[in-house]
C-alpha atoms as a PDB file:
ATOM      1  CA  ILE A   1      10.723   0.213  12.407  1.00  0.00           C
ATOM      2  CA  GLU A   2      11.852  -3.384  11.976  1.00  0.00           C
ATOM      3  CA  GLY A   3       9.282  -6.155  12.093  1.00  0.00           C
ATOM      4  CA  ALA A   4      10.040  -8.821  14.694  1.00  0.00           C
ATOM      5  CA  ILE A   5       8.115 -11.609  16.373  1.00  0.00           C
ATOM      6  CA  ASP A   6       8.547  -9.947  19.786  1.00  0.00           C
ATOM      7  CA  LEU A   7       7.437  -6.485  18.605  1.00  0.00           C
ATOM      8  CA  MET A   8       4.573  -5.222  20.749  1.00  0.00           C
ATOM      9  CA  PRO A   9       2.056  -2.448  19.986  1.00  0.00           C
ATOM     10  CA  SER A  10       3.515  -0.391  22.825  1.00  0.00           C
ATOM     11  CA  ASP A  11       6.908  -0.402  21.063  1.00  0.00           C
ATOM     12  CA  PHE A  12       5.456   1.963  18.464  1.00  0.00           C
ATOM     13  CA  LEU A  13       4.501   4.458  21.157  1.00  0.00           C
ATOM     14  CA  TYR A  14       7.196   4.376  23.838  1.00  0.00           C
ATOM     15  CA  HIS A  15      10.107   2.438  25.277  1.00  0.00           C
ATOM     16  CA  ALA A  16      11.132   2.035  28.896  1.00  0.00           C
ATOM     17  CA  TYR A  17      14.719   2.333  30.112  1.00  0.00           C
ATOM     18  CA  LEU A  18      16.830   3.122  33.175  1.00  0.00           C
ATOM     19  CA  ASP A  19      18.028   6.728  33.395  1.00  0.00           C
ATOM     20  CA  GLU A  20      21.409   7.946  34.673  1.00  0.00           C
ATOM     21  CA  LYS A  21      20.203   7.550  38.266  1.00  0.00           C
ATOM     22  CA  GLY A  22      19.049   4.015  37.668  1.00  0.00           C
ATOM     23  CA  GLN A  23      15.407   5.001  37.832  1.00  0.00           C
ATOM     24  CA  PRO A  24      12.806   3.670  35.379  1.00  0.00           C
ATOM     25  CA  ALA A  25      11.989   6.174  32.644  1.00  0.00           C
ATOM     26  CA  VAL A  26       9.868   6.279  29.510  1.00  0.00           C
ATOM     27  CA  ALA A  27      10.772   7.863  26.163  1.00  0.00           C
ATOM     28  CA  PRO A  28       8.578   8.373  23.085  1.00  0.00           C
ATOM     29  CA  GLY A  29       8.724   5.603  20.501  1.00  0.00           C
ATOM     30  CA  PRO A  30       9.076   5.991  16.729  1.00  0.00           C
ATOM     31  CA  LEU A  31       5.462   7.101  16.218  1.00  0.00           C
ATOM     32  CA  LEU A  32       5.518   9.834  18.843  1.00  0.00           C
ATOM     33  CA  GLN A  33       9.002  11.295  18.420  1.00  0.00           C
ATOM     34  CA  HIS A  34       7.866  13.764  15.763  1.00  0.00           C
ATOM     35  CA  GLU A  35       4.207  13.938  16.816  1.00  0.00           C
ATOM     36  CA  GLU A  36       2.080  15.757  14.203  1.00  0.00           C
ATOM     37  CA  ASN A  37       5.155  16.419  12.031  1.00  0.00           C
ATOM     38  CA  LEU A  38       5.533  12.719  11.252  1.00  0.00           C
ATOM     39  CA  ALA A  39       5.066  12.407   7.488  1.00  0.00           C
ATOM     40  CA  VAL A  40       6.616   9.053   6.502  1.00  0.00           C
ATOM     41  CA  PHE A  41       6.560   5.825   8.505  1.00  0.00           C
ATOM     42  CA  PHE A  42       8.284   2.758   7.051  1.00  0.00           C
ATOM     43  CA  PHE A  43       7.606  -0.722   8.446  1.00  0.00           C
ATOM     44  CA  ASN A  44      10.317  -3.123   7.305  1.00  0.00           C
ATOM     45  CA  GLU A  45       9.202  -6.769   6.982  1.00  0.00           C
ATOM     46  CA  ILE A  46       5.747  -6.149   8.392  1.00  0.00           C
ATOM     47  CA  ASN A  47       4.857  -9.843   8.255  1.00  0.00           C
ATOM     48  CA  ARG A  48       7.511 -10.673  10.851  1.00  0.00           C
ATOM     49  CA  ALA A  49       5.433  -8.813  13.453  1.00  0.00           C
ATOM     50  CA  ARG A  50       2.438 -10.348  15.189  1.00  0.00           C
ATOM     51  CA  PRO A  51      -1.144  -9.356  14.295  1.00  0.00           C
ATOM     52  CA  GLN A  52      -1.390  -7.252  17.483  1.00  0.00           C
ATOM     53  CA  ALA A  53       1.285  -4.935  16.085  1.00  0.00           C
ATOM     54  CA  HIS A  54      -0.443  -4.848  12.698  1.00  0.00           C
ATOM     55  CA  SER A  55      -3.745  -3.816  14.270  1.00  0.00           C
ATOM     56  CA  LEU A  56      -2.318  -0.696  15.924  1.00  0.00           C
ATOM     57  CA  LEU A  57      -0.708   0.462  12.696  1.00  0.00           C
ATOM     58  CA  LEU A  58      -3.833  -0.222  10.629  1.00  0.00           C
ATOM     59  CA  ARG A  59      -5.962   1.695  13.109  1.00  0.00           C
ATOM     60  CA  LEU A  60      -3.511   4.585  12.973  1.00  0.00           C
ATOM     61  CA  MET A  61      -3.680   4.587   9.162  1.00  0.00           C
ATOM     62  CA  ALA A  62      -7.474   4.767   9.284  1.00  0.00           C
ATOM     63  CA  GLU A  63      -7.899   7.294  12.087  1.00  0.00           C
ATOM     64  CA  ARG A  64      -4.694   9.366  11.757  1.00  0.00           C
ATOM     65  CA  SER A  65      -4.527   9.565  15.566  1.00  0.00           C
ATOM     66  CA  THR A  66      -3.761   7.488  18.647  1.00  0.00           C
ATOM     67  CA  GLN A  67      -3.951   7.716  22.435  1.00  0.00           C
ATOM     68  CA  ALA A  68      -0.853   7.651  24.663  1.00  0.00           C
ATOM     69  CA  PHE A  69       0.319   9.280  27.907  1.00  0.00           C
ATOM     70  CA  ASN A  70      -3.239  10.464  28.670  1.00  0.00           C
ATOM     71  CA  ARG A  71      -3.484  12.563  25.516  1.00  0.00           C
ATOM     72  CA  GLU A  72      -4.361  12.188  21.862  1.00  0.00           C
ATOM     73  CA  TYR A  73      -1.685  12.409  19.176  1.00  0.00           C
ATOM     74  CA  SER A  74      -2.714  13.471  15.684  1.00  0.00           C
ATOM     75  CA  PHE A  75      -0.870  12.568  12.470  1.00  0.00           C
ATOM     76  CA  PRO A  76      -2.532  14.602   9.693  1.00  0.00           C
ATOM     77  CA  HIS A  77       0.328  14.149   7.207  1.00  0.00           C
ATOM     78  CA  LEU A  78       1.176  10.497   7.852  1.00  0.00           C
ATOM     79  CA  THR A  79       1.905   8.149   4.957  1.00  0.00           C
ATOM     80  CA  VAL A  80       2.733   4.525   5.801  1.00  0.00           C
ATOM     81  CA  PHE A  81       4.971   2.318   3.675  1.00  0.00           C
ATOM     82  CA  ALA A  82       5.600  -1.346   4.440  1.00  0.00           C
ATOM     83  CA  ASP A  83       7.400  -4.232   2.835  1.00  0.00           C
ATOM     84  CA  ARG A  84       7.131  -7.916   3.585  1.00  0.00           C
ATOM     85  CA  ASN A  85       9.303 -10.995   3.378  1.00  0.00           C
ATOM     86  CA  ARG A  86       7.755 -13.083   0.592  1.00  0.00           C
ATOM     87  CA  LEU A  87      10.103 -16.058   0.902  1.00  0.00           C
ATOM     88  CA  GLU A  88      10.154 -17.214   4.502  1.00  0.00           C
ATOM     89  CA  ARG A  89       7.194 -18.901   6.157  1.00  0.00           C
ATOM     90  CA  GLU A  90       8.590 -19.606   9.625  1.00  0.00           C
ATOM     91  CA  GLU A  91       7.837 -16.958  12.259  1.00  0.00           C
ATOM     92  CA  THR A  92       5.908 -14.809   9.796  1.00  0.00           C
ATOM     93  CA  PHE A  93       2.334 -13.555  10.072  1.00  0.00           C
ATOM     94  CA  GLU A  94       0.798 -12.601   6.747  1.00  0.00           C
ATOM     95  CA  LEU A  95      -1.674  -9.744   6.683  1.00  0.00           C
ATOM     96  CA  PRO A  96      -5.184 -10.957   5.818  1.00  0.00           C
ATOM     97  CA  ALA A  97      -6.752  -9.596   2.652  1.00  0.00           C
ATOM     98  CA  ALA A  98      -8.972  -7.197   4.601  1.00  0.00           C
ATOM     99  CA  ALA A  99      -5.881  -5.646   6.204  1.00  0.00           C
ATOM    100  CA  ARG A 100      -4.000  -5.421   2.900  1.00  0.00           C
ATOM    101  CA  ASP A 101      -7.010  -3.560   1.513  1.00  0.00           C
ATOM    102  CA  ARG A 102      -6.035  -0.631   3.778  1.00  0.00           C
ATOM    103  CA  PHE A 103      -2.919  -0.011   1.684  1.00  0.00           C
ATOM    104  CA  PHE A 104      -3.299   2.233  -1.350  1.00  0.00           C
ATOM    105  CA  MET A 105      -1.093   0.073  -3.586  1.00  0.00           C
ATOM    106  CA  GLU A 106       0.866  -3.153  -3.431  1.00  0.00           C
ATOM    107  CA  VAL A 107       3.935  -3.009  -5.663  1.00  0.00           C
ATOM    108  CA  SER A 108       6.276  -5.918  -6.357  1.00  0.00           C
ATOM    109  CA  VAL A 109       9.925  -4.918  -5.908  1.00  0.00           C
ATOM    110  CA  GLU A 110      12.187  -7.385  -7.674  1.00  0.00           C
ATOM    111  CA  ALA A 111      15.976  -7.677  -7.532  1.00  0.00           C
ATOM    112  CA  PRO A 112      17.493  -5.498 -10.284  1.00  0.00           C
ATOM    113  CA  ASN A 113      18.791  -7.151 -13.455  1.00  0.00           C
ATOM    114  CA  ASP A 114      20.617  -4.109 -14.780  1.00  0.00           C
ATOM    115  CA  ARG A 115      24.373  -4.670 -14.342  1.00  0.00           C
ATOM    116  CA  ASP A 116      25.139  -0.992 -13.720  1.00  0.00           C
ATOM    117  CA  LEU A 117      22.513  -0.820 -10.997  1.00  0.00           C
ATOM    118  CA  GLN A 118      23.782  -4.053  -9.466  1.00  0.00           C
ATOM    119  CA  ARG A 119      27.283  -2.577  -9.398  1.00  0.00           C
ATOM    120  CA  GLU A 120      25.997   0.621  -7.762  1.00  0.00           C
ATOM    121  CA  LEU A 121      24.184  -1.316  -5.053  1.00  0.00           C
ATOM    122  CA  MET A 122      27.269  -3.402  -4.321  1.00  0.00           C
ATOM    123  CA  PHE A 123      30.010  -0.774  -4.387  1.00  0.00           C
ATOM    124  CA  ASN A 124      28.461   2.664  -3.798  1.00  0.00           C
ATOM    125  CA  ALA A 125      28.744   3.244  -0.046  1.00  0.00           C
ATOM    126  CA  ARG A 126      25.709   5.525   0.130  1.00  0.00           C
ATOM    127  CA  PHE A 127      23.472   2.522  -0.511  1.00  0.00           C
ATOM    128  CA  HIS A 128      24.924   0.778   2.547  1.00  0.00           C
ATOM    129  CA  ASN A 129      23.808   3.432   5.061  1.00  0.00           C
ATOM    130  CA  VAL A 130      20.181   4.542   5.156  1.00  0.00           C
ATOM    131  CA  ASP A 131      20.943   7.886   6.818  1.00  0.00           C
ATOM    132  CA  VAL A 132      23.610   8.744   4.239  1.00  0.00           C
ATOM    133  CA  LEU A 133      21.263   7.736   1.418  1.00  0.00           C
ATOM    134  CA  ILE A 134      18.438   9.918   2.734  1.00  0.00           C
ATOM    135  CA  ASP A 135      20.768  12.892   3.251  1.00  0.00           C
ATOM    136  CA  SER A 136      21.935  12.596  -0.370  1.00  0.00           C
ATOM    137  CA  LEU A 137      18.431  13.096  -1.753  1.00  0.00           C
ATOM    138  CA  PRO A 138      17.486  16.524  -3.149  1.00  0.00           C
ATOM    139  CA  ALA A 139      15.160  18.703  -1.122  1.00  0.00           C
ATOM    140  CA  GLY A 140      11.458  18.211  -1.735  1.00  0.00           C
ATOM    141  CA  LEU A 141       9.693  20.562  -4.119  1.00  0.00           C
ATOM    142  CA  VAL A 142       6.616  20.793  -1.892  1.00  0.00           C
ATOM    143  CA  PRO A 143       6.565  20.921   1.935  1.00  0.00           C
ATOM    144  CA  TYR A 144       5.090  17.717   3.326  1.00  0.00           C
ATOM    145  CA  ALA A 145       2.450  19.725   5.201  1.00  0.00           C
ATOM    146  CA  ALA A 146       1.069  20.923   1.847  1.00  0.00           C
ATOM    147  CA  LEU A 147       0.740  17.479   0.253  1.00  0.00           C
ATOM    148  CA  ASN A 148      -2.805  16.907   1.514  1.00  0.00           C
ATOM    149  CA  GLU A 149      -3.931  20.122  -0.179  1.00  0.00           C
ATOM    150  CA  VAL A 150      -2.088  19.176  -3.376  1.00  0.00           C
ATOM    151  CA  SER A 151      -3.738  15.754  -3.351  1.00  0.00           C
ATOM    152  CA  ASP A 152      -7.197  17.240  -2.834  1.00  0.00           C
ATOM    153  CA  ALA A 153      -6.609  19.708  -5.673  1.00  0.00           C
ATOM    154  CA  ILE A 154      -5.608  16.907  -8.063  1.00  0.00           C
ATOM    155  CA  GLN A 155      -8.614  14.774  -7.165  1.00  0.00           C
ATOM    156  CA  SER A 156     -11.062  17.650  -7.594  1.00  0.00           C
ATOM    157  CA  SER A 157      -9.579  18.990 -10.835  1.00  0.00           C
ATOM    158  CA  VAL A 158      -9.415  15.762 -12.902  1.00  0.00           C
ATOM    159  CA  ARG A 159     -12.854  14.913 -14.268  1.00  0.00           C
ATOM    160  CA  ALA A 160     -14.356  11.600 -15.364  1.00  0.00           C
ATOM    161  CA  GLU A 161     -16.857  11.639 -18.234  1.00  0.00           C
ATOM    162  CA  LEU A 162     -19.960   9.439 -17.999  1.00  0.00           C
ATOM    163  CA  ALA A 163     -18.615   6.888 -20.503  1.00  0.00           C
ATOM    164  CA  LEU A 164     -15.435   6.559 -18.449  1.00  0.00           C
ATOM    165  CA  GLN A 165     -17.486   6.117 -15.275  1.00  0.00           C
ATOM    166  CA  ASP A 166     -19.476   3.320 -16.925  1.00  0.00           C
ATOM    167  CA  TYR A 167     -16.217   1.648 -17.958  1.00  0.00           C
ATOM    168  CA  ALA A 168     -14.887   1.765 -14.385  1.00  0.00           C
ATOM    169  CA  VAL A 169     -18.142   0.357 -12.995  1.00  0.00           C
ATOM    170  CA  ASN A 170     -18.021  -2.508 -15.508  1.00  0.00           C
ATOM    171  CA  LEU A 171     -14.467  -3.300 -14.406  1.00  0.00           C
ATOM    172  CA  TRP A 172     -15.690  -3.472 -10.817  1.00  0.00           C
ATOM    173  CA  ARG A 173     -18.562  -5.777 -11.795  1.00  0.00           C
ATOM    174  CA  ALA A 174     -16.183  -8.006 -13.771  1.00  0.00           C
ATOM    175  CA  LEU A 175     -13.898  -8.355 -10.764  1.00  0.00           C
ATOM    176  CA  ARG A 176     -16.848  -9.531  -8.666  1.00  0.00           C
ATOM    177  CA  ALA A 177     -18.325 -11.927 -11.269  1.00  0.00           C
ATOM    178  CA  PRO A 178     -15.680 -12.545 -13.959  1.00  0.00           C
ATOM    179  CA  SER A 179     -17.538 -15.461 -15.585  1.00  0.00           C
ATOM    180  CA  GLU A 180     -20.441 -13.133 -16.468  1.00  0.00           C
ATOM    181  CA  PHE A 181     -18.053 -11.045 -18.573  1.00  0.00           C
ATOM    182  CA  GLY A 182     -16.606 -13.976 -20.489  1.00  0.00           C
ATOM    183  CA  VAL A 183     -13.379 -14.272 -18.497  1.00  0.00           C
ATOM    184  CA  VAL A 184     -11.743 -17.660 -19.125  1.00  0.00           C
ATOM    185  CA  LEU A 185      -8.525 -18.850 -17.454  1.00  0.00           C
ATOM    186  CA  GLU A 186      -6.732 -22.117 -18.145  1.00  0.00           C
ATOM    187  CA  ASP A 187      -6.903 -24.623 -15.262  1.00  0.00           C
ATOM    188  CA  VAL A 188      -9.265 -22.345 -13.311  1.00  0.00           C
ATOM    189  CA  ASP A 189     -13.016 -22.664 -12.730  1.00  0.00           C
ATOM    190  CA  VAL A 190     -13.705 -18.948 -13.002  1.00  0.00           C
ATOM    191  CA  SER A 191     -17.231 -19.328 -11.613  1.00  0.00           C
ATOM    192  CA  ARG A 192     -15.684 -20.543  -8.337  1.00  0.00           C
ATOM    193  CA  LEU A 193     -12.586 -18.359  -8.304  1.00  0.00           C
ATOM    194  CA  VAL A 194     -13.640 -15.102  -6.633  1.00  0.00           C
ATOM    195  CA  ALA A 195     -15.065 -15.089  -3.120  1.00  0.00           C
ATOM    196  CA  GLY A 196     -15.289 -11.309  -3.077  1.00  0.00           C
ATOM    197  CA  GLY A 197     -14.310  -8.634  -5.567  1.00  0.00           C
ATOM    198  CA  ALA A 198     -12.658  -5.322  -4.865  1.00  0.00           C
ATOM    199  CA  SER A 199     -14.221  -3.283  -2.071  1.00  0.00           C
ATOM    200  CA  PRO A 200     -15.787   0.161  -2.590  1.00  0.00           C
ATOM    201  CA  ARG A 201     -12.706   1.593  -0.889  1.00  0.00           C
ATOM    202  CA  GLY A 202     -10.495  -0.304  -3.315  1.00  0.00           C
ATOM    203  CA  MET A 203     -12.268   1.042  -6.380  1.00  0.00           C
ATOM    204  CA  ALA A 204     -12.185   4.556  -4.926  1.00  0.00           C
ATOM    205  CA  MET A 205      -8.426   4.148  -4.495  1.00  0.00           C
ATOM    206  CA  LEU A 206      -8.189   2.982  -8.114  1.00  0.00           C
ATOM    207  CA  MET A 207      -9.842   6.215  -9.237  1.00  0.00           C
ATOM    208  CA  ARG A 208      -7.540   8.290  -7.023  1.00  0.00           C
ATOM    209  CA  ALA A 209      -4.495   6.608  -8.548  1.00  0.00           C
ATOM    210  CA  ALA A 210      -5.871   7.044 -12.066  1.00  0.00           C
ATOM    211  CA  ARG A 211      -6.469  10.758 -11.483  1.00  0.00           C
ATOM    212  CA  CYS A 212      -2.879  11.145 -10.278  1.00  0.00           C
ATOM    213  CA  ARG A 213      -1.674   9.450 -13.441  1.00  0.00           C
ATOM    214  CA  ALA A 214      -3.785  11.749 -15.608  1.00  0.00           C
ATOM    215  CA  TRP A 215      -2.411  14.796 -13.771  1.00  0.00           C
ATOM    216  CA  LEU A 216       1.161  13.584 -14.264  1.00  0.00           C
ATOM    217  CA  GLU A 217       0.378  13.254 -17.971  1.00  0.00           C
ATOM    218  CA  GLY A 218      -0.765  16.885 -18.023  1.00  0.00           C
ATOM    219  CA  ARG A 219      -4.501  16.221 -18.448  1.00  0.00           C
ATOM    220  CA  ASP A 220      -7.567  17.331 -16.489  1.00  0.00           C
ATOM    221  CA  TYR A 221      -9.664  14.338 -17.588  1.00  0.00           C
ATOM    222  CA  LEU A 222      -9.451  10.558 -17.180  1.00  0.00           C
ATOM    223  CA  THR A 223      -8.876   8.060 -19.975  1.00  0.00           C
ATOM    224  CA  PRO A 224      -9.062   4.242 -19.933  1.00  0.00           C
ATOM    225  CA  ASP A 225      -5.258   4.176 -20.183  1.00  0.00           C
ATOM    226  CA  ASP A 226      -5.026   5.966 -16.826  1.00  0.00           C
ATOM    227  CA  ILE A 227      -7.041   3.201 -15.198  1.00  0.00           C
ATOM    228  CA  ARG A 228      -5.132   0.411 -16.941  1.00  0.00           C
ATOM    229  CA  ALA A 229      -1.774   1.900 -15.926  1.00  0.00           C
ATOM    230  CA  VAL A 230      -2.514   1.555 -12.203  1.00  0.00           C
ATOM    231  CA  PHE A 231      -5.045  -1.299 -12.299  1.00  0.00           C
ATOM    232  CA  TYR A 232      -2.895  -4.198 -11.130  1.00  0.00           C
ATOM    233  CA  GLU A 233      -0.969  -2.401  -8.363  1.00  0.00           C
ATOM    234  CA  THR A 234      -4.156  -0.902  -6.932  1.00  0.00           C
ATOM    235  CA  VAL A 235      -6.596  -3.810  -7.291  1.00  0.00           C
ATOM    236  CA  ALA A 236      -4.769  -7.167  -7.262  1.00  0.00           C
ATOM    237  CA  HIS A 237      -4.252  -7.370  -3.491  1.00  0.00           C
ATOM    238  CA  ARG A 238      -7.905  -6.502  -2.866  1.00  0.00           C
ATOM    239  CA  ILE A 239      -9.463  -9.539  -4.580  1.00  0.00           C
ATOM    240  CA  PHE A 240     -10.648 -12.339  -2.280  1.00  0.00           C
ATOM    241  CA  PHE A 241     -10.055 -15.759  -3.845  1.00  0.00           C
ATOM    242  CA  THR A 242     -11.784 -18.917  -2.663  1.00  0.00           C
ATOM    243  CA  PRO A 243      -9.626 -21.269  -0.530  1.00  0.00           C
ATOM    244  CA  ALA A 244      -9.133 -23.633  -3.482  1.00  0.00           C
ATOM    245  CA  TYR A 245      -7.265 -20.916  -5.397  1.00  0.00           C
ATOM    246  CA  GLU A 246      -5.796 -18.647  -2.712  1.00  0.00           C
ATOM    247  CA  LEU A 247      -2.468 -20.510  -2.615  1.00  0.00           C
ATOM    248  CA  ARG A 248      -2.085 -19.832  -6.350  1.00  0.00           C
ATOM    249  CA  ARG A 249      -2.819 -16.117  -5.999  1.00  0.00           C
ATOM    250  CA  GLU A 250       0.515 -14.888  -7.354  1.00  0.00           C
ATOM    251  CA  SER A 251       0.068 -16.762 -10.632  1.00  0.00           C
ATOM    252  CA  ILE A 252      -3.697 -16.345 -11.043  1.00  0.00           C
ATOM    253  CA  ALA A 253      -4.174 -12.670 -10.113  1.00  0.00           C
ATOM    254  CA  PRO A 254      -2.179 -11.211 -13.048  1.00  0.00           C
ATOM    255  CA  ARG A 255      -3.987 -13.463 -15.516  1.00  0.00           C
ATOM    256  CA  LEU A 256      -7.381 -12.591 -14.059  1.00  0.00           C
ATOM    257  CA  LEU A 257      -6.815  -8.840 -14.163  1.00  0.00           C
ATOM    258  CA  ASN A 258      -5.350  -8.910 -17.668  1.00  0.00           C
ATOM    259  CA  CYS A 259      -8.322 -10.922 -18.919  1.00  0.00           C
ATOM    260  CA  VAL A 260     -10.778  -8.550 -17.218  1.00  0.00           C
ATOM    261  CA  LEU A 261      -9.127  -5.611 -18.981  1.00  0.00           C
ATOM    262  CA  ASP A 262      -9.359  -7.490 -22.285  1.00  0.00           C
ATOM    263  CA  GLN A 263     -13.016  -8.462 -21.851  1.00  0.00           C
ATOM    264  CA  VAL A 264     -14.428  -5.133 -20.677  1.00  0.00           C
ATOM    265  CA  SER A 265     -14.919  -2.757 -23.587  1.00  0.00           C
ATOM    266  CA  ALA A 266     -13.315   0.666 -23.193  1.00  0.00           C
ATOM    267  CA  PRO A 267     -14.918   3.864 -24.494  1.00  0.00           C
END
C-alpha cells in the first residue's frame, strides 16, 4: 500500500464503490483480500500517512488480528515491511521512537554505486514493473505457513552460554548509561545524551537476530560476533535521545553504538 496524507485506517480494511447497478458496495481492502493467507505486507513511504493509519498497522503487528465486517480476521503468518521518505519534511509524519521499536530491524537502503547494478536498474525492464519482478523470483524453499515453526526451531536450538549472556546484558546497560562504561563522543555530553536505552523487547529482538545469524553460519551457539553483526540494525532505532541531540541522531547513533561495542569487553 502507498502512504498518502489522505490514507485512512479503513482503507486498509475495505473500500467502497458503486457496482454495475449503481448501488453502493464494499470490497475487502489490501489487508483482508487474502485473510489468514496474507504473509507479506509492504507499506511504501509509511511516513506520508497520518498517525491514525500508523496506529492500525502497529496494532495489527502486535496482535496479528483485527476486527471488520462483524468478525475477527487473523493473520498468523504476517510480516510487515515499510520504508520511509527520509528527505522530504512537508506532509510527512515521522513515526515516534516507541512506534519504530515495534519493527524488528531498521535498515538503511542507499542508492547503489555499482555501475553494473545502476545499468540494470535503468535498462532492465523487469525492474520497472513490480509484478514482473515478483514473478521472476524463484519459488520459495519453505512454504510461508511453515516459517513460524522454522523460526521457533532456530530460536530454541541456538544456545547462549553464561559468559555470552553477561556480555549481552552489559551491552544493554551501556546503552542505558553509556558514560558509566567509559563511552566518550566528540562534541557530545554523553551523560546527557540518552533519555532511554533499548527496551526489553528491543534486546530480545537483538538476541533473535543474533541466533538467526549463528544458524546461518552453521552453529548452534552464539558468539559475540553474532551480536555485533546485527547490533546496529536491531538497536539503533530503539535508543531514545534527549531533545538536545535527537536532531543529530543519524550522525550520533553510529558513533555511540560503535563506541559501546568497543568499551564493553567480549568473552
